[in-house]
PDB file of N, CA and C in Angstrom:
ATOM      1  N   MET A   1     -23.904  28.419  22.833  1.00  0.00           N
ATOM      2  CA  MET A   1     -22.991  27.983  21.791  1.00  0.00           C
ATOM      3  C   MET A   1     -23.601  28.212  20.430  1.00  0.00           C
ATOM      4  N   SER A   2     -22.753  28.197  19.424  1.00  0.00           N
ATOM      5  CA  SER A   2     -23.191  28.416  18.055  1.00  0.00           C
ATOM      6  C   SER A   2     -23.798  27.128  17.491  1.00  0.00           C
ATOM      7  N   ASP A   3     -24.819  27.281  16.662  1.00  0.00           N
ATOM      8  CA  ASP A   3     -25.457  26.123  16.036  1.00  0.00           C
ATOM      9  C   ASP A   3     -24.582  25.507  14.946  1.00  0.00           C
ATOM     10  N   SER A   4     -23.639  26.264  14.378  1.00  0.00           N
ATOM     11  CA  SER A   4     -22.835  25.769  13.265  1.00  0.00           C
ATOM     12  C   SER A   4     -21.683  24.888  13.711  1.00  0.00           C
ATOM     13  N   VAL A   5     -21.317  24.914  14.965  1.00  0.00           N
ATOM     14  CA  VAL A   5     -20.211  24.105  15.450  1.00  0.00           C
ATOM     15  C   VAL A   5     -20.770  23.035  16.390  1.00  0.00           C
ATOM     16  N   PRO A   6     -20.552  21.767  16.093  1.00  0.00           N
ATOM     17  CA  PRO A   6     -21.072  20.726  16.986  1.00  0.00           C
ATOM     18  C   PRO A   6     -20.331  20.732  18.307  1.00  0.00           C
ATOM     19  N   GLU A   7     -21.032  20.341  19.328  1.00  0.00           N
ATOM     20  CA  GLU A   7     -20.420  20.270  20.635  1.00  0.00           C
ATOM     21  C   GLU A   7     -19.479  19.079  20.700  1.00  0.00           C
ATOM     22  N   ALA A   8     -18.450  19.208  21.468  1.00  0.00           N
ATOM     23  CA  ALA A   8     -17.474  18.133  21.610  1.00  0.00           C
ATOM     24  C   ALA A   8     -18.131  16.933  22.251  1.00  0.00           C
ATOM     25  N   GLY A   9     -17.849  15.754  21.703  1.00  0.00           N
ATOM     26  CA  GLY A   9     -18.349  14.533  22.295  1.00  0.00           C
ATOM     27  C   GLY A   9     -19.722  14.127  21.789  1.00  0.00           C
ATOM     28  N   THR A  10     -20.342  14.884  20.854  1.00  0.00           N
ATOM     29  CA  THR A  10     -21.661  14.500  20.353  1.00  0.00           C
ATOM     30  C   THR A  10     -21.549  13.480  19.226  1.00  0.00           C
ATOM     31  N   GLY A  11     -20.385  13.367  18.619  1.00  0.00           N
ATOM     32  CA  GLY A  11     -20.191  12.385  17.561  1.00  0.00           C
ATOM     33  C   GLY A  11     -20.741  12.838  16.226  1.00  0.00           C
ATOM     34  N   ALA A  12     -21.126  14.097  16.102  1.00  0.00           N
ATOM     35  CA  ALA A  12     -21.652  14.599  14.836  1.00  0.00           C
ATOM     36  C   ALA A  12     -20.529  14.684  13.810  1.00  0.00           C
ATOM     37  N   VAL A  13     -20.823  14.237  12.589  1.00  0.00           N
ATOM     38  CA  VAL A  13     -19.850  14.280  11.494  1.00  0.00           C
ATOM     39  C   VAL A  13     -20.313  15.343  10.516  1.00  0.00           C
ATOM     40  N   PRO A  14     -19.441  16.267  10.141  1.00  0.00           N
ATOM     41  CA  PRO A  14     -19.835  17.312   9.198  1.00  0.00           C
ATOM     42  C   PRO A  14     -20.366  16.709   7.899  1.00  0.00           C
ATOM     43  N   ALA A  15     -21.373  17.373   7.297  1.00  0.00           N
ATOM     44  CA  ALA A  15     -22.008  16.882   6.073  1.00  0.00           C
ATOM     45  C   ALA A  15     -21.011  16.771   4.930  1.00  0.00           C
ATOM     46  N   ALA A  16     -20.014  17.637   4.888  1.00  0.00           N
ATOM     47  CA  ALA A  16     -19.022  17.590   3.813  1.00  0.00           C
ATOM     48  C   ALA A  16     -18.254  16.275   3.814  1.00  0.00           C
ATOM     49  N   VAL A  17     -18.033  15.701   4.976  1.00  0.00           N
ATOM     50  CA  VAL A  17     -17.327  14.428   5.071  1.00  0.00           C
ATOM     51  C   VAL A  17     -18.232  13.297   4.592  1.00  0.00           C
ATOM     52  N   LEU A  18     -19.526  13.369   4.902  1.00  0.00           N
ATOM     53  CA  LEU A  18     -20.457  12.329   4.501  1.00  0.00           C
ATOM     54  C   LEU A  18     -20.680  12.304   2.989  1.00  0.00           C
ATOM     55  N   GLU A  19     -20.605  13.472   2.352  1.00  0.00           N
ATOM     56  CA  GLU A  19     -20.876  13.572   0.923  1.00  0.00           C
ATOM     57  C   GLU A  19     -19.590  13.704   0.114  1.00  0.00           C
ATOM     58  N   ALA A  20     -18.566  13.023   0.515  1.00  0.00           N
ATOM     59  CA  ALA A  20     -17.300  13.098  -0.209  1.00  0.00           C
ATOM     60  C   ALA A  20     -17.464  12.520  -1.602  1.00  0.00           C
ATOM     61  N   GLU A  21     -16.824  13.153  -2.580  1.00  0.00           N
ATOM     62  CA  GLU A  21     -16.912  12.674  -3.957  1.00  0.00           C
ATOM     63  C   GLU A  21     -16.174  11.354  -4.095  1.00  0.00           C
ATOM     64  N   PRO A  22     -16.721  10.441  -4.916  1.00  0.00           N
ATOM     65  CA  PRO A  22     -16.006   9.186  -5.132  1.00  0.00           C
ATOM     66  C   PRO A  22     -14.699   9.465  -5.875  1.00  0.00           C
ATOM     67  N   THR A  23     -13.706   8.700  -5.548  1.00  0.00           N
ATOM     68  CA  THR A  23     -12.414   8.891  -6.200  1.00  0.00           C
ATOM     69  C   THR A  23     -12.456   8.303  -7.602  1.00  0.00           C
ATOM     70  N   TYR A  24     -11.685   8.866  -8.506  1.00  0.00           N
ATOM     71  CA  TYR A  24     -11.621   8.404  -9.887  1.00  0.00           C
ATOM     72  C   TYR A  24     -10.867   7.085  -9.936  1.00  0.00           C
ATOM     73  N   ASP A  25     -11.464   6.107 -10.571  1.00  0.00           N
ATOM     74  CA  ASP A  25     -10.838   4.802 -10.723  1.00  0.00           C
ATOM     75  C   ASP A  25     -10.687   4.524 -12.214  1.00  0.00           C
ATOM     76  N   PRO A  26      -9.479   4.627 -12.767  1.00  0.00           N
ATOM     77  CA  PRO A  26      -9.296   4.423 -14.206  1.00  0.00           C
ATOM     78  C   PRO A  26      -9.614   2.999 -14.649  1.00  0.00           C
ATOM     79  N   ALA A  27      -9.644   2.053 -13.737  1.00  0.00           N
ATOM     80  CA  ALA A  27      -9.944   0.664 -14.098  1.00  0.00           C
ATOM     81  C   ALA A  27     -11.436   0.381 -14.076  1.00  0.00           C
ATOM     82  N   ALA A  28     -12.223   1.335 -13.602  1.00  0.00           N
ATOM     83  CA  ALA A  28     -13.675   1.130 -13.537  1.00  0.00           C
ATOM     84  C   ALA A  28     -14.273   1.165 -14.937  1.00  0.00           C
ATOM     85  N   PRO A  29     -15.372   0.444 -15.164  1.00  0.00           N
ATOM     86  CA  PRO A  29     -16.024   0.468 -16.472  1.00  0.00           C
ATOM     87  C   PRO A  29     -16.456   1.883 -16.834  1.00  0.00           C
ATOM     88  N   ALA A  30     -16.279   2.239 -18.092  1.00  0.00           N
ATOM     89  CA  ALA A  30     -16.698   3.542 -18.596  1.00  0.00           C
ATOM     90  C   ALA A  30     -17.421   3.334 -19.913  1.00  0.00           C
ATOM     91  N   PRO A  31     -18.533   4.019 -20.118  1.00  0.00           N
ATOM     92  CA  PRO A  31     -19.272   3.854 -21.373  1.00  0.00           C
ATOM     93  C   PRO A  31     -18.418   4.230 -22.570  1.00  0.00           C
ATOM     94  N   LEU A  32     -18.533   3.449 -23.652  1.00  0.00           N
ATOM     95  CA  LEU A  32     -17.796   3.738 -24.876  1.00  0.00           C
ATOM     96  C   LEU A  32     -18.511   4.798 -25.697  1.00  0.00           C
ATOM     97  N   ASN A  33     -19.806   4.923 -25.500  1.00  0.00           N
ATOM     98  CA  ASN A  33     -20.621   5.893 -26.225  1.00  0.00           C
ATOM     99  C   ASN A  33     -20.431   5.803 -27.730  1.00  0.00           C
ATOM    100  N   ALA A  34     -20.324   4.594 -28.245  1.00  0.00           N
ATOM    101  CA  ALA A  34     -20.171   4.395 -29.683  1.00  0.00           C
ATOM    102  C   ALA A  34     -21.525   4.550 -30.358  1.00  0.00           C
ATOM    103  N   ASP A  35     -21.551   5.301 -31.453  1.00  0.00           N
ATOM    104  CA  ASP A  35     -22.790   5.457 -32.209  1.00  0.00           C
ATOM    105  C   ASP A  35     -23.133   4.143 -32.880  1.00  0.00           C
ATOM    106  N   ARG A  36     -24.389   3.780 -32.804  1.00  0.00           N
ATOM    107  CA  ARG A  36     -24.862   2.553 -33.449  1.00  0.00           C
ATOM    108  C   ARG A  36     -25.971   2.933 -34.403  1.00  0.00           C
ATOM    109  N   THR A  37     -25.635   3.075 -35.666  1.00  0.00           N
ATOM    110  CA  THR A  37     -26.608   3.431 -36.687  1.00  0.00           C
ATOM    111  C   THR A  37     -27.405   2.192 -37.066  1.00  0.00           C
ATOM    112  N   PRO A  38     -28.743   2.271 -37.039  1.00  0.00           N
ATOM    113  CA  PRO A  38     -29.549   1.107 -37.411  1.00  0.00           C
ATOM    114  C   PRO A  38     -29.252   0.659 -38.842  1.00  0.00           C
ATOM    115  N   SER A  39     -29.185  -0.648 -39.028  1.00  0.00           N
ATOM    116  CA  SER A  39     -28.863  -1.199 -40.345  1.00  0.00           C
ATOM    117  C   SER A  39     -30.109  -1.481 -41.165  1.00  0.00           C
ATOM    118  N   GLY A  40     -31.254  -1.581 -40.511  1.00  0.00           N
ATOM    119  CA  GLY A  40     -32.477  -1.938 -41.211  1.00  0.00           C
ATOM    120  C   GLY A  40     -32.780  -3.423 -41.113  1.00  0.00           C
ATOM    121  N   ASN A  41     -31.824  -4.208 -40.639  1.00  0.00           N
ATOM    122  CA  ASN A  41     -32.024  -5.640 -40.447  1.00  0.00           C
ATOM    123  C   ASN A  41     -32.156  -5.873 -38.946  1.00  0.00           C
ATOM    124  N   ALA A  42     -33.294  -6.439 -38.529  1.00  0.00           N
ATOM    125  CA  ALA A  42     -33.570  -6.605 -37.097  1.00  0.00           C
ATOM    126  C   ALA A  42     -32.529  -7.467 -36.395  1.00  0.00           C
ATOM    127  N   ASP A  43     -32.062  -8.543 -37.048  1.00  0.00           N
ATOM    128  CA  ASP A  43     -31.063  -9.423 -36.424  1.00  0.00           C
ATOM    129  C   ASP A  43     -29.741  -8.693 -36.215  1.00  0.00           C
ATOM    130  N   VAL A  44     -29.316  -7.949 -37.221  1.00  0.00           N
ATOM    131  CA  VAL A  44     -28.049  -7.202 -37.125  1.00  0.00           C
ATOM    132  C   VAL A  44     -28.169  -6.104 -36.076  1.00  0.00           C
ATOM    133  N   ASP A  45     -29.288  -5.388 -36.074  1.00  0.00           N
ATOM    134  CA  ASP A  45     -29.478  -4.310 -35.100  1.00  0.00           C
ATOM    135  C   ASP A  45     -29.494  -4.841 -33.670  1.00  0.00           C
ATOM    136  N   ALA A  46     -30.064  -6.008 -33.464  1.00  0.00           N
ATOM    137  CA  ALA A  46     -30.080  -6.608 -32.122  1.00  0.00           C
ATOM    138  C   ALA A  46     -28.656  -6.927 -31.669  1.00  0.00           C
ATOM    139  N   GLN A  47     -27.842  -7.440 -32.576  1.00  0.00           N
ATOM    140  CA  GLN A  47     -26.456  -7.758 -32.218  1.00  0.00           C
ATOM    141  C   GLN A  47     -25.662  -6.479 -31.938  1.00  0.00           C
ATOM    142  N   LEU A  48     -25.849  -5.462 -32.754  1.00  0.00           N
ATOM    143  CA  LEU A  48     -25.137  -4.201 -32.524  1.00  0.00           C
ATOM    144  C   LEU A  48     -25.590  -3.554 -31.215  1.00  0.00           C
ATOM    145  N   GLY A  49     -26.858  -3.683 -30.887  1.00  0.00           N
ATOM    146  CA  GLY A  49     -27.357  -3.162 -29.617  1.00  0.00           C
ATOM    147  C   GLY A  49     -26.739  -3.875 -28.430  1.00  0.00           C
ATOM    148  N   ARG A  50     -26.373  -5.122 -28.625  1.00  0.00           N
ATOM    149  CA  ARG A  50     -25.734  -5.909 -27.561  1.00  0.00           C
ATOM    150  C   ARG A  50     -24.376  -5.335 -27.185  1.00  0.00           C
ATOM    151  N   LEU A  51     -23.756  -4.578 -28.084  1.00  0.00           N
ATOM    152  CA  LEU A  51     -22.467  -3.961 -27.768  1.00  0.00           C
ATOM    153  C   LEU A  51     -22.576  -2.995 -26.589  1.00  0.00           C
ATOM    154  N   ALA A  52     -23.756  -2.488 -26.325  1.00  0.00           N
ATOM    155  CA  ALA A  52     -23.958  -1.578 -25.189  1.00  0.00           C
ATOM    156  C   ALA A  52     -23.685  -2.283 -23.864  1.00  0.00           C
ATOM    157  N   ASP A  53     -23.745  -3.609 -23.844  1.00  0.00           N
ATOM    158  CA  ASP A  53     -23.451  -4.352 -22.615  1.00  0.00           C
ATOM    159  C   ASP A  53     -22.025  -4.116 -22.136  1.00  0.00           C
ATOM    160  N   THR A  54     -21.129  -3.792 -23.050  1.00  0.00           N
ATOM    161  CA  THR A  54     -19.739  -3.569 -22.656  1.00  0.00           C
ATOM    162  C   THR A  54     -19.571  -2.288 -21.843  1.00  0.00           C
ATOM    163  N   ASP A  55     -20.551  -1.381 -21.923  1.00  0.00           N
ATOM    164  CA  ASP A  55     -20.454  -0.131 -21.171  1.00  0.00           C
ATOM    165  C   ASP A  55     -20.436  -0.351 -19.668  1.00  0.00           C
ATOM    166  N   HIS A  56     -20.921  -1.491 -19.213  1.00  0.00           N
ATOM    167  CA  HIS A  56     -21.030  -1.740 -17.775  1.00  0.00           C
ATOM    168  C   HIS A  56     -20.080  -2.840 -17.305  1.00  0.00           C
ATOM    169  N   LEU A  57     -19.182  -3.264 -18.180  1.00  0.00           N
ATOM    170  CA  LEU A  57     -18.253  -4.343 -17.833  1.00  0.00           C
ATOM    171  C   LEU A  57     -16.828  -3.827 -17.775  1.00  0.00           C
ATOM    172  N   ALA A  58     -16.027  -4.488 -16.984  1.00  0.00           N
ATOM    173  CA  ALA A  58     -14.589  -4.202 -17.011  1.00  0.00           C
ATOM    174  C   ALA A  58     -14.028  -4.737 -18.326  1.00  0.00           C
ATOM    175  N   THR A  59     -12.882  -4.270 -18.701  1.00  0.00           N
ATOM    176  CA  THR A  59     -12.315  -4.633 -20.007  1.00  0.00           C
ATOM    177  C   THR A  59     -12.173  -6.128 -20.211  1.00  0.00           C
ATOM    178  N   ASP A  60     -11.868  -6.872 -19.173  1.00  0.00           N
ATOM    179  CA  ASP A  60     -11.703  -8.318 -19.357  1.00  0.00           C
ATOM    180  C   ASP A  60     -13.033  -9.001 -19.680  1.00  0.00           C
ATOM    181  N   GLY A  61     -14.158  -8.342 -19.473  1.00  0.00           N
ATOM    182  CA  GLY A  61     -15.454  -8.899 -19.832  1.00  0.00           C
ATOM    183  C   GLY A  61     -15.889  -8.559 -21.250  1.00  0.00           C
ATOM    184  N   HIS A  62     -15.166  -7.650 -21.919  1.00  0.00           N
ATOM    185  CA  HIS A  62     -15.533  -7.243 -23.273  1.00  0.00           C
ATOM    186  C   HIS A  62     -15.384  -8.373 -24.283  1.00  0.00           C
ATOM    187  N   VAL A  63     -14.362  -9.194 -24.121  1.00  0.00           N
ATOM    188  CA  VAL A  63     -14.070 -10.239 -25.100  1.00  0.00           C
ATOM    189  C   VAL A  63     -15.266 -11.162 -25.283  1.00  0.00           C
ATOM    190  N   GLU A  64     -15.884 -11.568 -24.200  1.00  0.00           N
ATOM    191  CA  GLU A  64     -17.027 -12.475 -24.289  1.00  0.00           C
ATOM    192  C   GLU A  64     -18.174 -11.827 -25.075  1.00  0.00           C
ATOM    193  N   VAL A  65     -18.443 -10.544 -24.817  1.00  0.00           N
ATOM    194  CA  VAL A  65     -19.515  -9.850 -25.537  1.00  0.00           C
ATOM    195  C   VAL A  65     -19.155  -9.720 -27.012  1.00  0.00           C
ATOM    196  N   TYR A  66     -17.913  -9.314 -27.310  1.00  0.00           N
ATOM    197  CA  TYR A  66     -17.501  -9.158 -28.712  1.00  0.00           C
ATOM    198  C   TYR A  66     -17.597 -10.477 -29.472  1.00  0.00           C
ATOM    199  N   GLU A  67     -17.183 -11.570 -28.843  1.00  0.00           N
ATOM    200  CA  GLU A  67     -17.268 -12.875 -29.508  1.00  0.00           C
ATOM    201  C   GLU A  67     -18.722 -13.271 -29.746  1.00  0.00           C
ATOM    202  N   ASP A  68     -19.583 -12.985 -28.775  1.00  0.00           N
ATOM    203  CA  ASP A  68     -20.999 -13.300 -28.923  1.00  0.00           C
ATOM    204  C   ASP A  68     -21.619 -12.476 -30.054  1.00  0.00           C
ATOM    205  N   VAL A  69     -21.300 -11.191 -30.112  1.00  0.00           N
ATOM    206  CA  VAL A  69     -21.821 -10.329 -31.175  1.00  0.00           C
ATOM    207  C   VAL A  69     -21.287 -10.783 -32.527  1.00  0.00           C
ATOM    208  N   HIS A  70     -20.010 -11.111 -32.594  1.00  0.00           N
ATOM    209  CA  HIS A  70     -19.417 -11.576 -33.848  1.00  0.00           C
ATOM    210  C   HIS A  70     -20.113 -12.842 -34.335  1.00  0.00           C
ATOM    211  N   ARG A  71     -20.352 -13.763 -33.426  1.00  0.00           N
ATOM    212  CA  ARG A  71     -21.045 -15.009 -33.769  1.00  0.00           C
ATOM    213  C   ARG A  71     -22.455 -14.700 -34.276  1.00  0.00           C
ATOM    214  N   GLY A  72     -23.152 -13.792 -33.612  1.00  0.00           N
ATOM    215  CA  GLY A  72     -24.505 -13.422 -34.019  1.00  0.00           C
ATOM    216  C   GLY A  72     -24.539 -12.756 -35.380  1.00  0.00           C
ATOM    217  N   LEU A  73     -23.552 -11.887 -35.658  1.00  0.00           N
ATOM    218  CA  LEU A  73     -23.486 -11.237 -36.973  1.00  0.00           C
ATOM    219  C   LEU A  73     -23.186 -12.252 -38.070  1.00  0.00           C
ATOM    220  N   ARG A  74     -22.301 -13.205 -37.782  1.00  0.00           N
ATOM    221  CA  ARG A  74     -22.018 -14.268 -38.764  1.00  0.00           C
ATOM    222  C   ARG A  74     -23.272 -15.072 -39.055  1.00  0.00           C
ATOM    223  N   ASP A  75     -24.033 -15.396 -38.004  1.00  0.00           N
ATOM    224  CA  ASP A  75     -25.277 -16.148 -38.186  1.00  0.00           C
ATOM    225  C   ASP A  75     -26.286 -15.346 -39.011  1.00  0.00           C
ATOM    226  N   ALA A  76     -26.369 -14.045 -38.770  1.00  0.00           N
ATOM    227  CA  ALA A  76     -27.297 -13.201 -39.529  1.00  0.00           C
ATOM    228  C   ALA A  76     -26.900 -13.157 -41.003  1.00  0.00           C
ATOM    229  N   LEU A  77     -25.602 -13.055 -41.279  1.00  0.00           N
ATOM    230  CA  LEU A  77     -25.146 -13.052 -42.670  1.00  0.00           C
ATOM    231  C   LEU A  77     -25.381 -14.399 -43.338  1.00  0.00           C
ATOM    232  N   THR A  78     -25.163 -15.462 -42.614  1.00  0.00           N
ATOM    233  CA  THR A  78     -25.413 -16.804 -43.153  1.00  0.00           C
ATOM    234  C   THR A  78     -26.890 -16.969 -43.481  1.00  0.00           C
ATOM    235  N   ALA A  79     -27.761 -16.457 -42.610  1.00  0.00           N
ATOM    236  CA  ALA A  79     -29.202 -16.545 -42.849  1.00  0.00           C
ATOM    237  C   ALA A  79     -29.589 -15.759 -44.103  1.00  0.00           C
ATOM    238  N   LEU A  80     -28.926 -14.625 -44.334  1.00  0.00           N
ATOM    239  CA  LEU A  80     -29.215 -13.854 -45.544  1.00  0.00           C
ATOM    240  C   LEU A  80     -28.815 -14.636 -46.793  1.00  0.00           C
ATOM    241  N   ASP A  81     -27.690 -15.337 -46.722  1.00  0.00           N
ATOM    242  CA  ASP A  81     -27.234 -16.135 -47.866  1.00  0.00           C
ATOM    243  C   ASP A  81     -28.125 -17.336 -48.106  1.00  0.00           C
ATOM    244  N   ALA A  82     -28.744 -17.866 -47.072  1.00  0.00           N
ATOM    245  CA  ALA A  82     -29.552 -19.078 -47.196  1.00  0.00           C
ATOM    246  C   ALA A  82     -30.948 -18.798 -47.740  1.00  0.00           C
ATOM    247  N   ARG A  83     -31.395 -17.545 -47.669  1.00  0.00           N
ATOM    248  CA  ARG A  83     -32.735 -17.224 -48.168  1.00  0.00           C
ATOM    249  C   ARG A  83     -32.785 -17.349 -49.677  1.00  0.00           C
ATOM    250  N   PRO A  84     -33.865 -17.898 -50.195  1.00  0.00           N
ATOM    251  CA  PRO A  84     -33.975 -17.972 -51.650  1.00  0.00           C
ATOM    252  C   PRO A  84     -34.195 -16.579 -52.227  1.00  0.00           C
ATOM    253  N   GLY A  85     -33.564 -16.330 -53.335  1.00  0.00           N
ATOM    254  CA  GLY A  85     -33.712 -15.050 -54.003  1.00  0.00           C
ATOM    255  C   GLY A  85     -34.914 -15.076 -54.929  1.00  0.00           C
ATOM    256  N   PRO A  86     -35.084 -14.037 -55.710  1.00  0.00           N
ATOM    257  CA  PRO A  86     -36.201 -14.014 -56.652  1.00  0.00           C
ATOM    258  C   PRO A  86     -35.988 -15.079 -57.727  1.00  0.00           C
ATOM    259  N   PRO A  87     -37.067 -15.551 -58.303  1.00  0.00           N
ATOM    260  CA  PRO A  87     -36.914 -16.582 -59.336  1.00  0.00           C
ATOM    261  C   PRO A  87     -36.174 -16.023 -60.553  1.00  0.00           C
ATOM    262  N   ALA A  88     -35.427 -16.892 -61.178  1.00  0.00           N
ATOM    263  CA  ALA A  88     -34.679 -16.486 -62.372  1.00  0.00           C
ATOM    264  C   ALA A  88     -35.652 -16.258 -63.520  1.00  0.00           C
ATOM    265  N   PRO A  89     -35.358 -15.317 -64.376  1.00  0.00           N
ATOM    266  CA  PRO A  89     -36.246 -15.093 -65.526  1.00  0.00           C
ATOM    267  C   PRO A  89     -36.211 -16.304 -66.447  1.00  0.00           C
ATOM    268  N   PRO A  90     -37.305 -16.559 -67.133  1.00  0.00           N
ATOM    269  CA  PRO A  90     -37.333 -17.723 -68.029  1.00  0.00           C
ATOM    270  C   PRO A  90     -36.332 -17.552 -69.166  1.00  0.00           C
ATOM    271  N   SER A  91     -35.758 -18.657 -69.541  1.00  0.00           N
ATOM    272  CA  SER A  91     -34.761 -18.632 -70.609  1.00  0.00           C
ATOM    273  C   SER A  91     -35.476 -18.663 -71.964  1.00  0.00           C
ATOM    274  N   GLN A  92     -34.942 -17.941 -72.932  1.00  0.00           N
ATOM    275  CA  GLN A  92     -35.507 -17.921 -74.280  1.00  0.00           C
ATOM    276  C   GLN A  92     -35.111 -19.185 -75.049  1.00  0.00           C
ATOM    277  N   TYR A  93     -34.104 -19.849 -74.576  1.00  0.00           N
ATOM    278  CA  TYR A  93     -33.552 -20.968 -75.333  1.00  0.00           C
ATOM    279  C   TYR A  93     -33.814 -22.316 -74.674  1.00  0.00           C
ATOM    280  N   GLN A  94     -34.942 -22.458 -73.979  1.00  0.00           N
ATOM    281  CA  GLN A  94     -35.217 -23.722 -73.285  1.00  0.00           C
ATOM    282  C   GLN A  94     -35.405 -24.884 -74.241  1.00  0.00           C
ATOM    283  N   ASN A  95     -36.151 -24.717 -75.303  1.00  0.00           N
ATOM    284  CA  ASN A  95     -36.468 -25.828 -76.196  1.00  0.00           C
ATOM    285  C   ASN A  95     -35.747 -25.674 -77.539  1.00  0.00           C
ATOM    286  N   ARG A  96     -34.468 -25.781 -77.552  1.00  0.00           N
ATOM    287  CA  ARG A  96     -33.702 -25.697 -78.807  1.00  0.00           C
ATOM    288  C   ARG A  96     -33.431 -27.090 -79.319  1.00  0.00           C
ATOM    289  N   SER A  97     -34.276 -27.573 -80.151  1.00  0.00           N
ATOM    290  CA  SER A  97     -34.000 -28.873 -80.716  1.00  0.00           C
ATOM    291  C   SER A  97     -34.151 -28.885 -82.207  1.00  0.00           C
TER     292      SER A  97
END
């Protein structure tokens, strides 16, 4: 007999059947591949990097990540506002009497 044809009753399954391509599932998570340009602020960059977590989640899981990132960005902006700025220049008119 030929080596390329399995004998009847051996239970051999052709390799093509074993290596079947996975079917396309439009509901499966797909990477967004959004560019994330570094901002120069470590807190902001960490939050923007967190957006990559959505690449592995179904759409119904995106909301939680987006809300978390939004909260983190708000906190980073609040922290920037809370930092003291440079001292004000001295006034020329302090002792006008």
